[in-house]
Amino acid sequence: MFSPLFKKLREDLPGFRAVAVVGDDGIEVDRFVLEDLPHEVLSAEMNGVLKTLRRLRGEIAMGPIREVVIRTEAENILLCSLSEGLFILVVTDPATATGRARFAIQRLAHEFQNVLK
């Protein structure tokens, strides 16, 4: 479904490790993983993070959550809202600039949305 877009992301993003389109239930709609990552667990757990942030958003009137970046010693994890009920999860090497990853995702966001139509 999203394979051509996953390929573009992989080509444009040094340090790319994985990408998934994930539903609000934490289940992956589609994915592309370069290495042995616990991507299904990561997708489900990141969905929990987003649910917590959405609840917080409602309590303090922050507005919609567009993206979340988590940087660790082992990897960078980017969550970007794709539509109501779907988000893109991208995992990169820790040395990859998160700004570059954010730009690559934003540049393809409209193409991801077109696939969903």
PDB file of N, CA and C in Angstrom:
ATOM      1  N   MET A   1       0.820  -1.197   0.000  1.00  0.00           N
ATOM      2  CA  MET A   1       0.000   0.000   0.000  1.00  0.00           C
ATOM      3  C   MET A   1       0.868   1.267   0.000  1.00  0.00           C
ATOM      4  N   PHE A   2       1.787   1.368   0.951  1.00  0.00           N
ATOM      5  CA  PHE A   2       2.648   2.539   1.075  1.00  0.00           C
ATOM      6  C   PHE A   2       4.083   2.275   0.617  1.00  0.00           C
ATOM      7  N   SER A   3       4.342   1.130   0.010  1.00  0.00           N
ATOM      8  CA  SER A   3       5.714   0.720  -0.319  1.00  0.00           C
ATOM      9  C   SER A   3       6.521   1.762  -1.084  1.00  0.00           C
ATOM     10  N   PRO A   4       5.981   2.410  -2.136  1.00  0.00           N
ATOM     11  CA  PRO A   4       6.782   3.414  -2.850  1.00  0.00           C
ATOM     12  C   PRO A   4       7.186   4.589  -1.953  1.00  0.00           C
ATOM     13  N   LEU A   5       6.302   4.968  -1.041  1.00  0.00           N
ATOM     14  CA  LEU A   5       6.617   6.078  -0.136  1.00  0.00           C
ATOM     15  C   LEU A   5       7.642   5.653   0.906  1.00  0.00           C
ATOM     16  N   PHE A   6       7.531   4.429   1.383  1.00  0.00           N
ATOM     17  CA  PHE A   6       8.531   3.916   2.320  1.00  0.00           C
ATOM     18  C   PHE A   6       9.907   3.893   1.656  1.00  0.00           C
ATOM     19  N   LYS A   7       9.943   3.505   0.391  1.00  0.00           N
ATOM     20  CA  LYS A   7      11.212   3.457  -0.343  1.00  0.00           C
ATOM     21  C   LYS A   7      11.817   4.855  -0.469  1.00  0.00           C
ATOM     22  N   LYS A   8      10.985   5.853  -0.793  1.00  0.00           N
ATOM     23  CA  LYS A   8      11.478   7.237  -0.887  1.00  0.00           C
ATOM     24  C   LYS A   8      12.058   7.694   0.444  1.00  0.00           C
ATOM     25  N   LEU A   9      11.359   7.392   1.503  1.00  0.00           N
ATOM     26  CA  LEU A   9      11.815   7.790   2.831  1.00  0.00           C
ATOM     27  C   LEU A   9      13.152   7.134   3.159  1.00  0.00           C
ATOM     28  N   ARG A  10      13.268   5.865   2.851  1.00  0.00           N
ATOM     29  CA  ARG A  10      14.519   5.143   3.107  1.00  0.00           C
ATOM     30  C   ARG A  10      15.667   5.745   2.305  1.00  0.00           C
ATOM     31  N   GLU A  11      15.419   6.101   1.046  1.00  0.00           N
ATOM     32  CA  GLU A  11      16.456   6.670   0.190  1.00  0.00           C
ATOM     33  C   GLU A  11      16.860   8.073   0.625  1.00  0.00           C
ATOM     34  N   ASP A  12      15.911   8.854   1.115  1.00  0.00           N
ATOM     35  CA  ASP A  12      16.165  10.252   1.473  1.00  0.00           C
ATOM     36  C   ASP A  12      16.704  10.448   2.878  1.00  0.00           C
ATOM     37  N   LEU A  13      16.649   9.419   3.683  1.00  0.00           N
ATOM     38  CA  LEU A  13      16.948   9.583   5.099  1.00  0.00           C
ATOM     39  C   LEU A  13      18.103   8.687   5.538  1.00  0.00           C
ATOM     40  N   PRO A  14      19.311   9.257   5.657  1.00  0.00           N
ATOM     41  CA  PRO A  14      20.428   8.452   6.155  1.00  0.00           C
ATOM     42  C   PRO A  14      20.122   7.985   7.582  1.00  0.00           C
ATOM     43  N   GLY A  15      20.503   6.784   7.894  1.00  0.00           N
ATOM     44  CA  GLY A  15      20.248   6.258   9.229  1.00  0.00           C
ATOM     45  C   GLY A  15      18.863   5.670   9.399  1.00  0.00           C
ATOM     46  N   PHE A  16      18.101   5.601   8.307  1.00  0.00           N
ATOM     47  CA  PHE A  16      16.754   5.031   8.352  1.00  0.00           C
ATOM     48  C   PHE A  16      16.815   3.586   8.840  1.00  0.00           C
ATOM     49  N   ARG A  17      15.888   3.225   9.734  1.00  0.00           N
ATOM     50  CA  ARG A  17      15.806   1.844  10.231  1.00  0.00           C
ATOM     51  C   ARG A  17      14.433   1.224  10.024  1.00  0.00           C
ATOM     52  N   ALA A  18      13.382   2.021  10.183  1.00  0.00           N
ATOM     53  CA  ALA A  18      12.032   1.461  10.041  1.00  0.00           C
ATOM     54  C   ALA A  18      11.009   2.569   9.871  1.00  0.00           C
ATOM     55  N   VAL A  19       9.893   2.212   9.246  1.00  0.00           N
ATOM     56  CA  VAL A  19       8.748   3.109   9.147  1.00  0.00           C
ATOM     57  C   VAL A  19       7.491   2.246   9.204  1.00  0.00           C
ATOM     58  N   ALA A  20       6.459   2.786   9.825  1.00  0.00           N
ATOM     59  CA  ALA A  20       5.165   2.092   9.879  1.00  0.00           C
ATOM     60  C   ALA A  20       4.050   3.125   9.889  1.00  0.00           C
ATOM     61  N   VAL A  21       2.960   2.780   9.263  1.00  0.00           N
ATOM     62  CA  VAL A  21       1.728   3.550   9.402  1.00  0.00           C
ATOM     63  C   VAL A  21       0.902   2.770  10.411  1.00  0.00           C
ATOM     64  N   VAL A  22       0.515   3.453  11.490  1.00  0.00           N
ATOM     65  CA  VAL A  22      -0.100   2.784  12.638  1.00  0.00           C
ATOM     66  C   VAL A  22      -1.454   3.419  12.948  1.00  0.00           C
ATOM     67  N   GLY A  23      -2.423   2.582  13.247  1.00  0.00           N
ATOM     68  CA  GLY A  23      -3.748   3.053  13.613  1.00  0.00           C
ATOM     69  C   GLY A  23      -3.842   3.406  15.084  1.00  0.00           C
ATOM     70  N   ASP A  24      -4.938   4.057  15.452  1.00  0.00           N
ATOM     71  CA  ASP A  24      -5.185   4.438  16.848  1.00  0.00           C
ATOM     72  C   ASP A  24      -5.218   3.248  17.796  1.00  0.00           C
ATOM     73  N   ASP A  25      -5.431   2.070  17.256  1.00  0.00           N
ATOM     74  CA  ASP A  25      -5.450   0.870  18.086  1.00  0.00           C
ATOM     75  C   ASP A  25      -4.053   0.289  18.305  1.00  0.00           C
ATOM     76  N   GLY A  26      -3.025   0.928  17.695  1.00  0.00           N
ATOM     77  CA  GLY A  26      -1.651   0.452  17.848  1.00  0.00           C
ATOM     78  C   GLY A  26      -1.261  -0.633  16.866  1.00  0.00           C
ATOM     79  N   ILE A  27      -2.169  -0.989  15.974  1.00  0.00           N
ATOM     80  CA  ILE A  27      -1.885  -2.030  14.978  1.00  0.00           C
ATOM     81  C   ILE A  27      -1.335  -1.390  13.710  1.00  0.00           C
ATOM     82  N   GLU A  28      -0.262  -1.981  13.194  1.00  0.00           N
ATOM     83  CA  GLU A  28       0.371  -1.465  11.986  1.00  0.00           C
ATOM     84  C   GLU A  28      -0.496  -1.754  10.762  1.00  0.00           C
ATOM     85  N   VAL A  29      -0.739  -0.715   9.965  1.00  0.00           N
ATOM     86  CA  VAL A  29      -1.467  -0.853   8.709  1.00  0.00           C
ATOM     87  C   VAL A  29      -0.506  -1.357   7.634  1.00  0.00           C
ATOM     88  N   ASP A  30       0.708  -0.813   7.643  1.00  0.00           N
ATOM     89  CA  ASP A  30       1.760  -1.200   6.706  1.00  0.00           C
ATOM     90  C   ASP A  30       3.089  -0.821   7.331  1.00  0.00           C
ATOM     91  N   ARG A  31       4.170  -1.498   6.901  1.00  0.00           N
ATOM     92  CA  ARG A  31       5.475  -1.209   7.502  1.00  0.00           C
ATOM     93  C   ARG A  31       6.598  -1.608   6.565  1.00  0.00           C
ATOM     94  N   PHE A  32       7.763  -1.022   6.815  1.00  0.00           N
ATOM     95  CA  PHE A  32       9.000  -1.413   6.138  1.00  0.00           C
ATOM     96  C   PHE A  32      10.103  -1.337   7.182  1.00  0.00           C
ATOM     97  N   VAL A  33      10.749  -2.454   7.450  1.00  0.00           N
ATOM     98  CA  VAL A  33      11.753  -2.534   8.510  1.00  0.00           C
ATOM     99  C   VAL A  33      13.039  -3.088   7.917  1.00  0.00           C
ATOM    100  N   LEU A  34      14.154  -2.364   8.116  1.00  0.00           N
ATOM    101  CA  LEU A  34      15.438  -2.805   7.578  1.00  0.00           C
ATOM    102  C   LEU A  34      16.130  -3.842   8.442  1.00  0.00           C
ATOM    103  N   GLU A  35      15.900  -3.800   9.720  1.00  0.00           N
ATOM    104  CA  GLU A  35      16.633  -4.687  10.617  1.00  0.00           C
ATOM    105  C   GLU A  35      15.702  -5.255  11.672  1.00  0.00           C
ATOM    106  N   ASP A  36      16.239  -6.092  12.493  1.00  0.00           N
ATOM    107  CA  ASP A  36      15.450  -6.754  13.520  1.00  0.00           C
ATOM    108  C   ASP A  36      15.106  -5.776  14.640  1.00  0.00           C
ATOM    109  N   LEU A  37      13.984  -5.117  14.487  1.00  0.00           N
ATOM    110  CA  LEU A  37      13.469  -4.197  15.507  1.00  0.00           C
ATOM    111  C   LEU A  37      12.142  -4.749  16.020  1.00  0.00           C
ATOM    112  N   PRO A  38      11.850  -4.559  17.282  1.00  0.00           N
ATOM    113  CA  PRO A  38      10.535  -4.978  17.789  1.00  0.00           C
ATOM    114  C   PRO A  38       9.470  -3.950  17.382  1.00  0.00           C
ATOM    115  N   HIS A  39       9.294  -3.773  16.068  1.00  0.00           N
ATOM    116  CA  HIS A  39       8.453  -2.703  15.536  1.00  0.00           C
ATOM    117  C   HIS A  39       7.001  -2.821  15.967  1.00  0.00           C
ATOM    118  N   GLU A  40       6.465  -4.024  16.074  1.00  0.00           N
ATOM    119  CA  GLU A  40       5.064  -4.158  16.473  1.00  0.00           C
ATOM    120  C   GLU A  40       4.859  -3.724  17.920  1.00  0.00           C
ATOM    121  N   VAL A  41       5.808  -4.076  18.769  1.00  0.00           N
ATOM    122  CA  VAL A  41       5.744  -3.645  20.172  1.00  0.00           C
ATOM    123  C   VAL A  41       5.907  -2.132  20.237  1.00  0.00           C
ATOM    124  N   LEU A  42       6.872  -1.614  19.475  1.00  0.00           N
ATOM    125  CA  LEU A  42       7.122  -0.176  19.452  1.00  0.00           C
ATOM    126  C   LEU A  42       5.883   0.583  18.983  1.00  0.00           C
ATOM    127  N   SER A  43       5.241   0.094  17.930  1.00  0.00           N
ATOM    128  CA  SER A  43       4.027   0.742  17.421  1.00  0.00           C
ATOM    129  C   SER A  43       2.929   0.771  18.478  1.00  0.00           C
ATOM    130  N   ALA A  44       2.721  -0.338  19.136  1.00  0.00           N
ATOM    131  CA  ALA A  44       1.679  -0.410  20.166  1.00  0.00           C
ATOM    132  C   ALA A  44       2.000   0.507  21.339  1.00  0.00           C
ATOM    133  N   GLU A  45       3.250   0.513  21.782  1.00  0.00           N
ATOM    134  CA  GLU A  45       3.632   1.345  22.926  1.00  0.00           C
ATOM    135  C   GLU A  45       3.593   2.832  22.579  1.00  0.00           C
ATOM    136  N   MET A  46       4.011   3.188  21.375  1.00  0.00           N
ATOM    137  CA  MET A  46       3.965   4.592  20.966  1.00  0.00           C
ATOM    138  C   MET A  46       2.525   5.067  20.841  1.00  0.00           C
ATOM    139  N   ASN A  47       1.625   4.166  20.491  1.00  0.00           N
ATOM    140  CA  ASN A  47       0.214   4.505  20.486  1.00  0.00           C
ATOM    141  C   ASN A  47      -0.238   4.886  21.894  1.00  0.00           C
ATOM    142  N   GLY A  48       0.266   4.165  22.897  1.00  0.00           N
ATOM    143  CA  GLY A  48      -0.037   4.507  24.289  1.00  0.00           C
ATOM    144  C   GLY A  48       0.479   5.885  24.656  1.00  0.00           C
ATOM    145  N   VAL A  49       1.676   6.220  24.174  1.00  0.00           N
ATOM    146  CA  VAL A  49       2.243   7.556  24.415  1.00  0.00           C
ATOM    147  C   VAL A  49       1.333   8.615  23.800  1.00  0.00           C
ATOM    148  N   LEU A  50       0.901   8.389  22.567  1.00  0.00           N
ATOM    149  CA  LEU A  50       0.021   9.358  21.909  1.00  0.00           C
ATOM    150  C   LEU A  50      -1.308   9.501  22.637  1.00  0.00           C
ATOM    151  N   LYS A  51      -1.862   8.408  23.125  1.00  0.00           N
ATOM    152  CA  LYS A  51      -3.125   8.488  23.873  1.00  0.00           C
ATOM    153  C   LYS A  51      -2.957   9.331  25.131  1.00  0.00           C
ATOM    154  N   THR A  52      -1.839   9.149  25.821  1.00  0.00           N
ATOM    155  CA  THR A  52      -1.568   9.948  27.020  1.00  0.00           C
ATOM    156  C   THR A  52      -1.449  11.422  26.658  1.00  0.00           C
ATOM    157  N   LEU A  53      -0.734  11.720  25.578  1.00  0.00           N
ATOM    158  CA  LEU A  53      -0.578  13.111  25.154  1.00  0.00           C
ATOM    159  C   LEU A  53      -1.901  13.719  24.705  1.00  0.00           C
ATOM    160  N   ARG A  54      -2.737  12.932  24.049  1.00  0.00           N
ATOM    161  CA  ARG A  54      -4.052  13.440  23.636  1.00  0.00           C
ATOM    162  C   ARG A  54      -4.929  13.750  24.841  1.00  0.00           C
ATOM    163  N   ARG A  55      -4.848  12.899  25.860  1.00  0.00           N
ATOM    164  CA  ARG A  55      -5.615  13.157  27.083  1.00  0.00           C
ATOM    165  C   ARG A  55      -5.121  14.446  27.738  1.00  0.00           C
ATOM    166  N   LEU A  56      -3.810  14.612  27.800  1.00  0.00           N
ATOM    167  CA  LEU A  56      -3.224  15.831  28.354  1.00  0.00           C
ATOM    168  C   LEU A  56      -3.645  17.045  27.537  1.00  0.00           C
ATOM    169  N   ARG A  57      -3.632  16.893  26.225  1.00  0.00           N
ATOM    170  CA  ARG A  57      -4.045  17.980  25.336  1.00  0.00           C
ATOM    171  C   ARG A  57      -5.446  18.459  25.684  1.00  0.00           C
ATOM    172  N   GLY A  58      -6.342  17.511  25.940  1.00  0.00           N
ATOM    173  CA  GLY A  58      -7.709  17.863  26.298  1.00  0.00           C
ATOM    174  C   GLY A  58      -7.803  18.584  27.630  1.00  0.00           C
ATOM    175  N   GLU A  59      -6.923  18.224  28.559  1.00  0.00           N
ATOM    176  CA  GLU A  59      -6.961  18.833  29.889  1.00  0.00           C
ATOM    177  C   GLU A  59      -6.395  20.247  29.903  1.00  0.00           C
ATOM    178  N   ILE A  60      -5.431  20.525  29.034  1.00  0.00           N
ATOM    179  CA  ILE A  60      -4.818  21.861  29.070  1.00  0.00           C
ATOM    180  C   ILE A  60      -5.009  22.646  27.772  1.00  0.00           C
ATOM    181  N   ALA A  61      -5.880  22.171  26.889  1.00  0.00           N
ATOM    182  CA  ALA A  61      -6.235  22.870  25.651  1.00  0.00           C
ATOM    183  C   ALA A  61      -5.012  23.262  24.824  1.00  0.00           C
ATOM    184  N   MET A  62      -4.182  22.273  24.466  1.00  0.00           N
ATOM    185  CA  MET A  62      -2.975  22.528  23.679  1.00  0.00           C
ATOM    186  C   MET A  62      -3.234  22.591  22.186  1.00  0.00           C
ATOM    187  N   GLY A  63      -4.296  22.023  21.707  1.00  0.00           N
ATOM    188  CA  GLY A  63      -4.493  21.879  20.268  1.00  0.00           C
ATOM    189  C   GLY A  63      -4.032  20.494  19.828  1.00  0.00           C
ATOM    190  N   PRO A  64      -4.280  20.162  18.571  1.00  0.00           N
ATOM    191  CA  PRO A  64      -3.943  18.827  18.068  1.00  0.00           C
ATOM    192  C   PRO A  64      -2.435  18.543  18.116  1.00  0.00           C
ATOM    193  N   ILE A  65      -2.096  17.295  18.383  1.00  0.00           N
ATOM    194  CA  ILE A  65      -0.694  16.876  18.393  1.00  0.00           C
ATOM    195  C   ILE A  65      -0.316  16.507  16.970  1.00  0.00           C
ATOM    196  N   ARG A  66       0.708  17.166  16.448  1.00  0.00           N
ATOM    197  CA  ARG A  66       1.154  16.899  15.085  1.00  0.00           C
ATOM    198  C   ARG A  66       2.326  15.937  15.036  1.00  0.00           C
ATOM    199  N   GLU A  67       3.244  16.073  16.015  1.00  0.00           N
ATOM    200  CA  GLU A  67       4.395  15.169  16.016  1.00  0.00           C
ATOM    201  C   GLU A  67       5.005  15.067  17.401  1.00  0.00           C
ATOM    202  N   VAL A  68       5.680  13.942  17.603  1.00  0.00           N
ATOM    203  CA  VAL A  68       6.396  13.678  18.848  1.00  0.00           C
ATOM    204  C   VAL A  68       7.752  13.104  18.449  1.00  0.00           C
ATOM    205  N   VAL A  69       8.818  13.603  19.077  1.00  0.00           N
ATOM    206  CA  VAL A  69      10.165  13.098  18.816  1.00  0.00           C
ATOM    207  C   VAL A  69      10.732  12.562  20.122  1.00  0.00           C
ATOM    208  N   ILE A  70      11.225  11.326  20.080  1.00  0.00           N
ATOM    209  CA  ILE A  70      11.862  10.711  21.240  1.00  0.00           C
ATOM    210  C   ILE A  70      13.268  10.316  20.818  1.00  0.00           C
ATOM    211  N   ARG A  71      14.266  10.863  21.515  1.00  0.00           N
ATOM    212  CA  ARG A  71      15.663  10.551  21.202  1.00  0.00           C
ATOM    213  C   ARG A  71      16.241   9.731  22.344  1.00  0.00           C
ATOM    214  N   THR A  72      16.851   8.596  21.995  1.00  0.00           N
ATOM    215  CA  THR A  72      17.500   7.753  22.994  1.00  0.00           C
ATOM    216  C   THR A  72      18.924   7.465  22.531  1.00  0.00           C
ATOM    217  N   GLU A  73      19.681   6.780  23.354  1.00  0.00           N
ATOM    218  CA  GLU A  73      21.036   6.403  22.951  1.00  0.00           C
ATOM    219  C   GLU A  73      21.022   5.416  21.791  1.00  0.00           C
ATOM    220  N   ALA A  74      19.980   4.623  21.686  1.00  0.00           N
ATOM    221  CA  ALA A  74      19.922   3.566  20.676  1.00  0.00           C
ATOM    222  C   ALA A  74      19.259   3.988  19.368  1.00  0.00           C
ATOM    223  N   GLU A  75      18.314   4.941  19.434  1.00  0.00           N
ATOM    224  CA  GLU A  75      17.571   5.323  18.230  1.00  0.00           C
ATOM    225  C   GLU A  75      16.784   6.601  18.451  1.00  0.00           C
ATOM    226  N   ASN A  76      16.337   7.163  17.342  1.00  0.00           N
ATOM    227  CA  ASN A  76      15.386   8.266  17.357  1.00  0.00           C
ATOM    228  C   ASN A  76      14.049   7.705  16.893  1.00  0.00           C
ATOM    229  N   ILE A  77      12.989   8.129  17.549  1.00  0.00           N
ATOM    230  CA  ILE A  77      11.644   7.692  17.182  1.00  0.00           C
ATOM    231  C   ILE A  77      10.823   8.939  16.900  1.00  0.00           C
ATOM    232  N   LEU A  78      10.243   8.996  15.718  1.00  0.00           N
ATOM    233  CA  LEU A  78       9.411  10.125  15.333  1.00  0.00           C
ATOM    234  C   LEU A  78       7.998   9.631  15.080  1.00  0.00           C
ATOM    235  N   LEU A  79       7.041  10.315  15.660  1.00  0.00           N
ATOM    236  CA  LEU A  79       5.629  10.017  15.455  1.00  0.00           C
ATOM    237  C   LEU A  79       5.006  11.247  14.825  1.00  0.00           C
ATOM    238  N   CYS A  80       4.395  11.085  13.680  1.00  0.00           N
ATOM    239  CA  CYS A  80       3.769  12.211  12.990  1.00  0.00           C
ATOM    240  C   CYS A  80       2.332  11.853  12.650  1.00  0.00           C
ATOM    241  N   SER A  81       1.432  12.749  12.993  1.00  0.00           N
ATOM    242  CA  SER A  81       0.023  12.527  12.698  1.00  0.00           C
ATOM    243  C   SER A  81      -0.182  12.537  11.189  1.00  0.00           C
ATOM    244  N   LEU A  82      -0.888  11.550  10.703  1.00  0.00           N
ATOM    245  CA  LEU A  82      -1.172  11.449   9.273  1.00  0.00           C
ATOM    246  C   LEU A  82      -2.610  11.883   8.996  1.00  0.00           C
ATOM    247  N   SER A  83      -3.503  11.436   9.833  1.00  0.00           N
ATOM    248  CA  SER A  83      -4.912  11.807   9.763  1.00  0.00           C
ATOM    249  C   SER A  83      -5.515  11.442  11.107  1.00  0.00           C
ATOM    250  N   GLU A  84      -6.767  11.752  11.275  1.00  0.00           N
ATOM    251  CA  GLU A  84      -7.434  11.345  12.508  1.00  0.00           C
ATOM    252  C   GLU A  84      -7.430   9.822  12.554  1.00  0.00           C
ATOM    253  N   GLY A  85      -6.754   9.270  13.540  1.00  0.00           N
ATOM    254  CA  GLY A  85      -6.737   7.823  13.684  1.00  0.00           C
ATOM    255  C   GLY A  85      -5.526   7.113  13.110  1.00  0.00           C
ATOM    256  N   LEU A  86      -4.627   7.832  12.433  1.00  0.00           N
ATOM    257  CA  LEU A  86      -3.422   7.214  11.871  1.00  0.00           C
ATOM    258  C   LEU A  86      -2.198   8.086  12.126  1.00  0.00           C
ATOM    259  N   PHE A  87      -1.074   7.424  12.393  1.00  0.00           N
ATOM    260  CA  PHE A  87       0.180   8.159  12.498  1.00  0.00           C
ATOM    261  C   PHE A  87       1.301   7.387  11.824  1.00  0.00           C
ATOM    262  N   ILE A  88       2.349   8.117  11.473  1.00  0.00           N
ATOM    263  CA  ILE A  88       3.546   7.521  10.888  1.00  0.00           C
ATOM    264  C   ILE A  88       4.574   7.410  11.996  1.00  0.00           C
ATOM    265  N   LEU A  89       5.175   6.248  12.126  1.00  0.00           N
ATOM    266  CA  LEU A  89       6.249   6.016  13.083  1.00  0.00           C
ATOM    267  C   LEU A  89       7.520   5.772  12.270  1.00  0.00           C
ATOM    268  N   VAL A  90       8.562   6.561  12.528  1.00  0.00           N
ATOM    269  CA  VAL A  90       9.842   6.401  11.838  1.00  0.00           C
ATOM    270  C   VAL A  90      10.922   6.203  12.889  1.00  0.00           C
ATOM    271  N   VAL A  91      11.783   5.222  12.660  1.00  0.00           N
ATOM    272  CA  VAL A  91      12.910   4.949  13.553  1.00  0.00           C
ATOM    273  C   VAL A  91      14.192   5.167  12.765  1.00  0.00           C
ATOM    274  N   THR A  92      15.117   5.942  13.346  1.00  0.00           N
ATOM    275  CA  THR A  92      16.411   6.197  12.714  1.00  0.00           C
ATOM    276  C   THR A  92      17.529   5.919  13.708  1.00  0.00           C
ATOM    277  N   ASP A  93      18.741   5.875  13.180  1.00  0.00           N
ATOM    278  CA  ASP A  93      19.917   5.787  14.040  1.00  0.00           C
ATOM    279  C   ASP A  93      19.982   7.028  14.918  1.00  0.00           C
ATOM    280  N   PRO A  94      20.608   6.944  16.086  1.00  0.00           N
ATOM    281  CA  PRO A  94      20.668   8.102  16.977  1.00  0.00           C
ATOM    282  C   PRO A  94      21.473   9.269  16.401  1.00  0.00           C
ATOM    283  N   ALA A  95      22.373   9.002  15.469  1.00  0.00           N
ATOM    284  CA  ALA A  95      23.183  10.073  14.883  1.00  0.00           C
ATOM    285  C   ALA A  95      22.435  10.861  13.808  1.00  0.00           C
ATOM    286  N   THR A  96      21.317  10.345  13.350  1.00  0.00           N
ATOM    287  CA  THR A  96      20.537  11.033  12.321  1.00  0.00           C
ATOM    288  C   THR A  96      19.909  12.291  12.910  1.00  0.00           C
ATOM    289  N   ALA A  97      20.044  13.386  12.186  1.00  0.00           N
ATOM    290  CA  ALA A  97      19.456  14.654  12.633  1.00  0.00           C
ATOM    291  C   ALA A  97      17.933  14.538  12.606  1.00  0.00           C
ATOM    292  N   THR A  98      17.308  14.789  13.743  1.00  0.00           N
ATOM    293  CA  THR A  98      15.849  14.659  13.799  1.00  0.00           C
ATOM    294  C   THR A  98      15.167  15.695  12.914  1.00  0.00           C
ATOM    295  N   GLY A  99      15.788  16.849  12.737  1.00  0.00           N
ATOM    296  CA  GLY A  99      15.221  17.861  11.847  1.00  0.00           C
ATOM    297  C   GLY A  99      15.140  17.364  10.414  1.00  0.00           C
ATOM    298  N   ARG A 100      16.170  16.679   9.993  1.00  0.00           N
ATOM    299  CA  ARG A 100      16.178  16.124   8.635  1.00  0.00           C
ATOM    300  C   ARG A 100      15.089  15.058   8.490  1.00  0.00           C
ATOM    301  N   ALA A 101      14.935  14.236   9.506  1.00  0.00           N
ATOM    302  CA  ALA A 101      13.900  13.202   9.473  1.00  0.00           C
ATOM    303  C   ALA A 101      12.509  13.837   9.449  1.00  0.00           C
ATOM    304  N   ARG A 102      12.307  14.860  10.250  1.00  0.00           N
ATOM    305  CA  ARG A 102      11.020  15.557  10.274  1.00  0.00           C
ATOM    306  C   ARG A 102      10.705  16.148   8.903  1.00  0.00           C
ATOM    307  N   PHE A 103      11.715  16.755   8.285  1.00  0.00           N
ATOM    308  CA  PHE A 103      11.530  17.350   6.963  1.00  0.00           C
ATOM    309  C   PHE A 103      11.159  16.284   5.933  1.00  0.00           C
ATOM    310  N   ALA A 104      11.857  15.153   5.963  1.00  0.00           N
ATOM    311  CA  ALA A 104      11.582  14.069   5.009  1.00  0.00           C
ATOM    312  C   ALA A 104      10.149  13.561   5.161  1.00  0.00           C
ATOM    313  N   ILE A 105       9.694  13.431   6.389  1.00  0.00           N
ATOM    314  CA  ILE A 105       8.324  12.966   6.640  1.00  0.00           C
ATOM    315  C   ILE A 105       7.314  14.010   6.176  1.00  0.00           C
ATOM    316  N   GLN A 106       7.552  15.267   6.525  1.00  0.00           N
ATOM    317  CA  GLN A 106       6.624  16.333   6.145  1.00  0.00           C
ATOM    318  C   GLN A 106       6.520  16.468   4.631  1.00  0.00           C
ATOM    319  N   ARG A 107       7.648  16.282   3.949  1.00  0.00           N
ATOM    320  CA  ARG A 107       7.664  16.398   2.498  1.00  0.00           C
ATOM    321  C   ARG A 107       6.785  15.332   1.837  1.00  0.00           C
ATOM    322  N   LEU A 108       6.677  14.164   2.464  1.00  0.00           N
ATOM    323  CA  LEU A 108       5.881  13.069   1.900  1.00  0.00           C
ATOM    324  C   LEU A 108       4.480  12.950   2.504  1.00  0.00           C
ATOM    325  N   ALA A 109       4.171  13.752   3.497  1.00  0.00           N
ATOM    326  CA  ALA A 109       2.896  13.612   4.218  1.00  0.00           C
ATOM    327  C   ALA A 109       1.690  13.679   3.288  1.00  0.00           C
ATOM    328  N   HIS A 110       1.688  14.625   2.349  1.00  0.00           N
ATOM    329  CA  HIS A 110       0.535  14.732   1.443  1.00  0.00           C
ATOM    330  C   HIS A 110       0.396  13.500   0.555  1.00  0.00           C
ATOM    331  N   GLU A 111       1.533  12.870   0.198  1.00  0.00           N
ATOM    332  CA  GLU A 111       1.469  11.650  -0.608  1.00  0.00           C
ATOM    333  C   GLU A 111       0.889  10.485   0.207  1.00  0.00           C
ATOM    334  N   PHE A 112       1.253  10.416   1.483  1.00  0.00           N
ATOM    335  CA  PHE A 112       0.655   9.398   2.352  1.00  0.00           C
ATOM    336  C   PHE A 112      -0.855   9.613   2.428  1.00  0.00           C
ATOM    337  N   GLN A 113      -1.269  10.863   2.584  1.00  0.00           N
ATOM    338  CA  GLN A 113      -2.697  11.164   2.681  1.00  0.00           C
ATOM    339  C   GLN A 113      -3.430  10.834   1.384  1.00  0.00           C
ATOM    340  N   ASN A 114      -2.770  11.060   0.237  1.00  0.00           N
ATOM    341  CA  ASN A 114      -3.389  10.717  -1.050  1.00  0.00           C
ATOM    342  C   ASN A 114      -3.627   9.216  -1.183  1.00  0.00           C
ATOM    343  N   VAL A 115      -2.718   8.406  -0.667  1.00  0.00           N
ATOM    344  CA  VAL A 115      -2.891   6.952  -0.715  1.00  0.00           C
ATOM    345  C   VAL A 115      -4.132   6.544   0.078  1.00  0.00           C
ATOM    346  N   LEU A 116      -4.412   7.260   1.148  1.00  0.00           N
ATOM    347  CA  LEU A 116      -5.552   6.926   2.005  1.00  0.00           C
ATOM    348  C   LEU A 116      -6.900   7.284   1.380  1.00  0.00           C
ATOM    349  N   LYS A 117      -6.895   8.157   0.401  1.00  0.00           N
ATOM    350  CA  LYS A 117      -8.167   8.600  -0.205  1.00  0.00           C
ATOM    351  C   LYS A 117      -8.780   7.554  -1.094  1.00  0.00           C
TER     352      LYS A 117
END
